[in-house]
Amino acid sequence: MDFKKQKPIYLQIADTLSEQVLQGQLTPDDRMPSVRDVAASMGVNPNTVVRTFEYLQQEEIIYQRRGVGYFVASDARQHILAHQRREFLEEELPYIRQRMKTLGIDINELKLTD
């Protein structure tokens, strides 16, 4: 995986795993891959993945069963979408609005298509 410098690696891994939930590759109550498996597949230190799993657990996207592993929460999709909406509105949209203002692009010039 190619990591970007602007965002911590553990958050980039969390984004990748969250995207797998949104795409249906990981569904509610699915067992998450092990820390070692994720670390090996992404080429990172297992401690980074532990940090990722702790973050995802804090965000209520996954939960832990002691001695068994981590699992996808039943409402993980809703938590991910809420987080991504909040991130878009607080971080991305202000940047887009500023760029539009700088470039002199009026909102009416945007053609939104599916």
Protein backbone atom coordinates (compact mmCIF):
# COMPACT_ATOMS: atom_id res chain seq x y z
CA MET A 1 0.00 0.00 0.00
CA ASP A 2 1.27 3.48 -0.85
CA PHE A 3 0.89 5.78 2.11
CA LYS A 4 0.52 9.56 1.97
CA LYS A 5 2.55 11.83 4.22
CA GLN A 6 -0.38 14.12 5.08
CA LYS A 7 -2.23 11.56 7.19
CA PRO A 8 -0.96 9.09 9.82
CA ILE A 9 -0.55 5.54 8.52
CA TYR A 10 -2.87 4.03 11.12
CA LEU A 11 -5.68 6.32 9.91
CA GLN A 12 -5.00 5.41 6.29
CA ILE A 13 -5.31 1.73 7.22
CA ALA A 14 -8.54 2.53 9.09
CA ASP A 15 -9.84 4.24 5.94
CA THR A 16 -9.00 1.15 3.86
CA LEU A 17 -10.77 -1.19 6.29
CA SER A 18 -13.73 1.19 6.52
CA GLU A 19 -13.98 1.23 2.75
CA GLN A 20 -14.12 -2.58 2.80
CA VAL A 21 -17.09 -2.34 5.15
CA LEU A 22 -18.83 0.20 2.91
CA GLN A 23 -18.24 -2.00 -0.15
CA GLY A 24 -19.62 -5.06 1.62
CA GLN A 25 -16.32 -6.95 1.71
CA LEU A 26 -16.59 -6.92 5.51
CA THR A 27 -20.12 -7.27 6.87
CA PRO A 28 -21.60 -6.97 10.38
CA ASP A 29 -20.24 -9.59 12.79
CA ASP A 30 -17.55 -10.70 10.32
CA ARG A 31 -14.29 -11.47 12.03
CA MET A 32 -11.61 -8.94 11.17
CA PRO A 33 -8.33 -10.20 9.75
CA SER A 34 -5.71 -10.66 12.46
CA VAL A 35 -3.31 -7.87 13.37
CA ARG A 36 -0.46 -9.90 11.88
CA ASP A 37 -2.33 -10.57 8.64
CA VAL A 38 -3.20 -6.89 8.17
CA ALA A 39 0.36 -5.85 9.03
CA ALA A 40 1.83 -8.32 6.55
CA SER A 41 -0.56 -7.43 3.74
CA MET A 42 0.02 -3.69 4.18
CA GLY A 43 3.72 -3.86 4.92
CA VAL A 44 3.55 -2.13 8.30
CA ASN A 45 4.53 -2.86 11.88
CA PRO A 46 1.90 -4.85 13.85
CA ASN A 47 1.88 -2.06 16.46
CA THR A 48 0.53 0.29 13.78
CA VAL A 49 -2.33 -2.12 13.11
CA VAL A 50 -3.03 -2.43 16.85
CA ARG A 51 -3.36 1.36 16.91
CA THR A 52 -5.70 1.16 13.89
CA PHE A 53 -7.89 -1.44 15.61
CA GLU A 54 -7.99 0.62 18.81
CA TYR A 55 -9.09 3.64 16.77
CA LEU A 56 -11.77 1.65 14.91
CA GLN A 57 -13.01 0.26 18.23
CA GLN A 58 -13.18 3.77 19.69
CA GLU A 59 -15.19 4.86 16.63
CA GLU A 60 -17.55 1.89 17.23
CA ILE A 61 -16.76 0.36 13.84
CA ILE A 62 -15.36 -2.85 15.31
CA TYR A 63 -15.60 -4.58 18.67
CA GLN A 64 -13.39 -7.06 20.47
CA ARG A 65 -14.24 -10.45 21.87
CA ARG A 66 -11.52 -11.24 24.37
CA GLY A 67 -9.42 -14.19 23.30
CA VAL A 68 -11.24 -14.46 19.96
CA GLY A 69 -10.43 -11.29 18.00
CA TYR A 70 -12.05 -8.25 16.48
CA PHE A 71 -15.38 -8.19 14.66
CA VAL A 72 -17.29 -5.70 12.51
CA ALA A 73 -19.96 -3.90 14.56
CA SER A 74 -23.58 -4.32 13.49
CA ASP A 75 -23.92 -0.57 12.86
CA ALA A 76 -20.41 -0.04 11.51
CA ARG A 77 -21.65 1.26 8.16
CA GLN A 78 -23.69 4.03 9.83
CA HIS A 79 -20.72 5.06 12.01
CA ILE A 80 -18.41 5.17 9.00
CA LEU A 81 -20.82 7.25 6.92
CA ALA A 82 -21.40 9.69 9.80
CA HIS A 83 -17.64 10.06 10.28
CA GLN A 84 -17.00 10.55 6.57
CA ARG A 85 -19.78 13.14 6.28
CA ARG A 86 -18.43 15.04 9.27
CA GLU A 87 -14.89 14.91 7.86
CA PHE A 88 -16.10 16.13 4.46
CA LEU A 89 -18.08 19.03 5.91
CA GLU A 90 -15.35 20.12 8.33
CA GLU A 91 -12.21 19.54 6.27
CA GLU A 92 -12.83 19.03 2.57
CA LEU A 93 -15.74 21.35 1.82
CA PRO A 94 -14.11 24.49 3.27
CA TYR A 95 -11.06 23.79 1.07
CA ILE A 96 -13.26 23.29 -1.99
CA ARG A 97 -15.17 26.50 -1.29
CA GLN A 98 -11.93 28.44 -0.94
CA ARG A 99 -10.54 26.98 -4.19
CA MET A 100 -13.77 27.87 -6.00
CA LYS A 101 -13.54 31.42 -4.69
CA THR A 102 -9.87 31.70 -5.68
CA LEU A 103 -10.57 30.36 -9.17
CA GLY A 104 -13.70 32.44 -9.61
CA ILE A 105 -15.98 29.44 -10.04
CA ASP A 106 -19.63 30.12 -9.34
CA ILE A 107 -21.74 27.38 -7.78
CA ASN A 108 -24.04 27.53 -10.80
CA GLU A 109 -21.13 26.47 -13.03
CA LEU A 110 -20.97 23.07 -11.39
CA LYS A 111 -22.71 20.30 -13.24
CA LEU A 112 -23.40 17.44 -10.86
CA THR A 113 -23.92 14.06 -12.49
CA ASP A 114 -24.16 10.52 -11.16
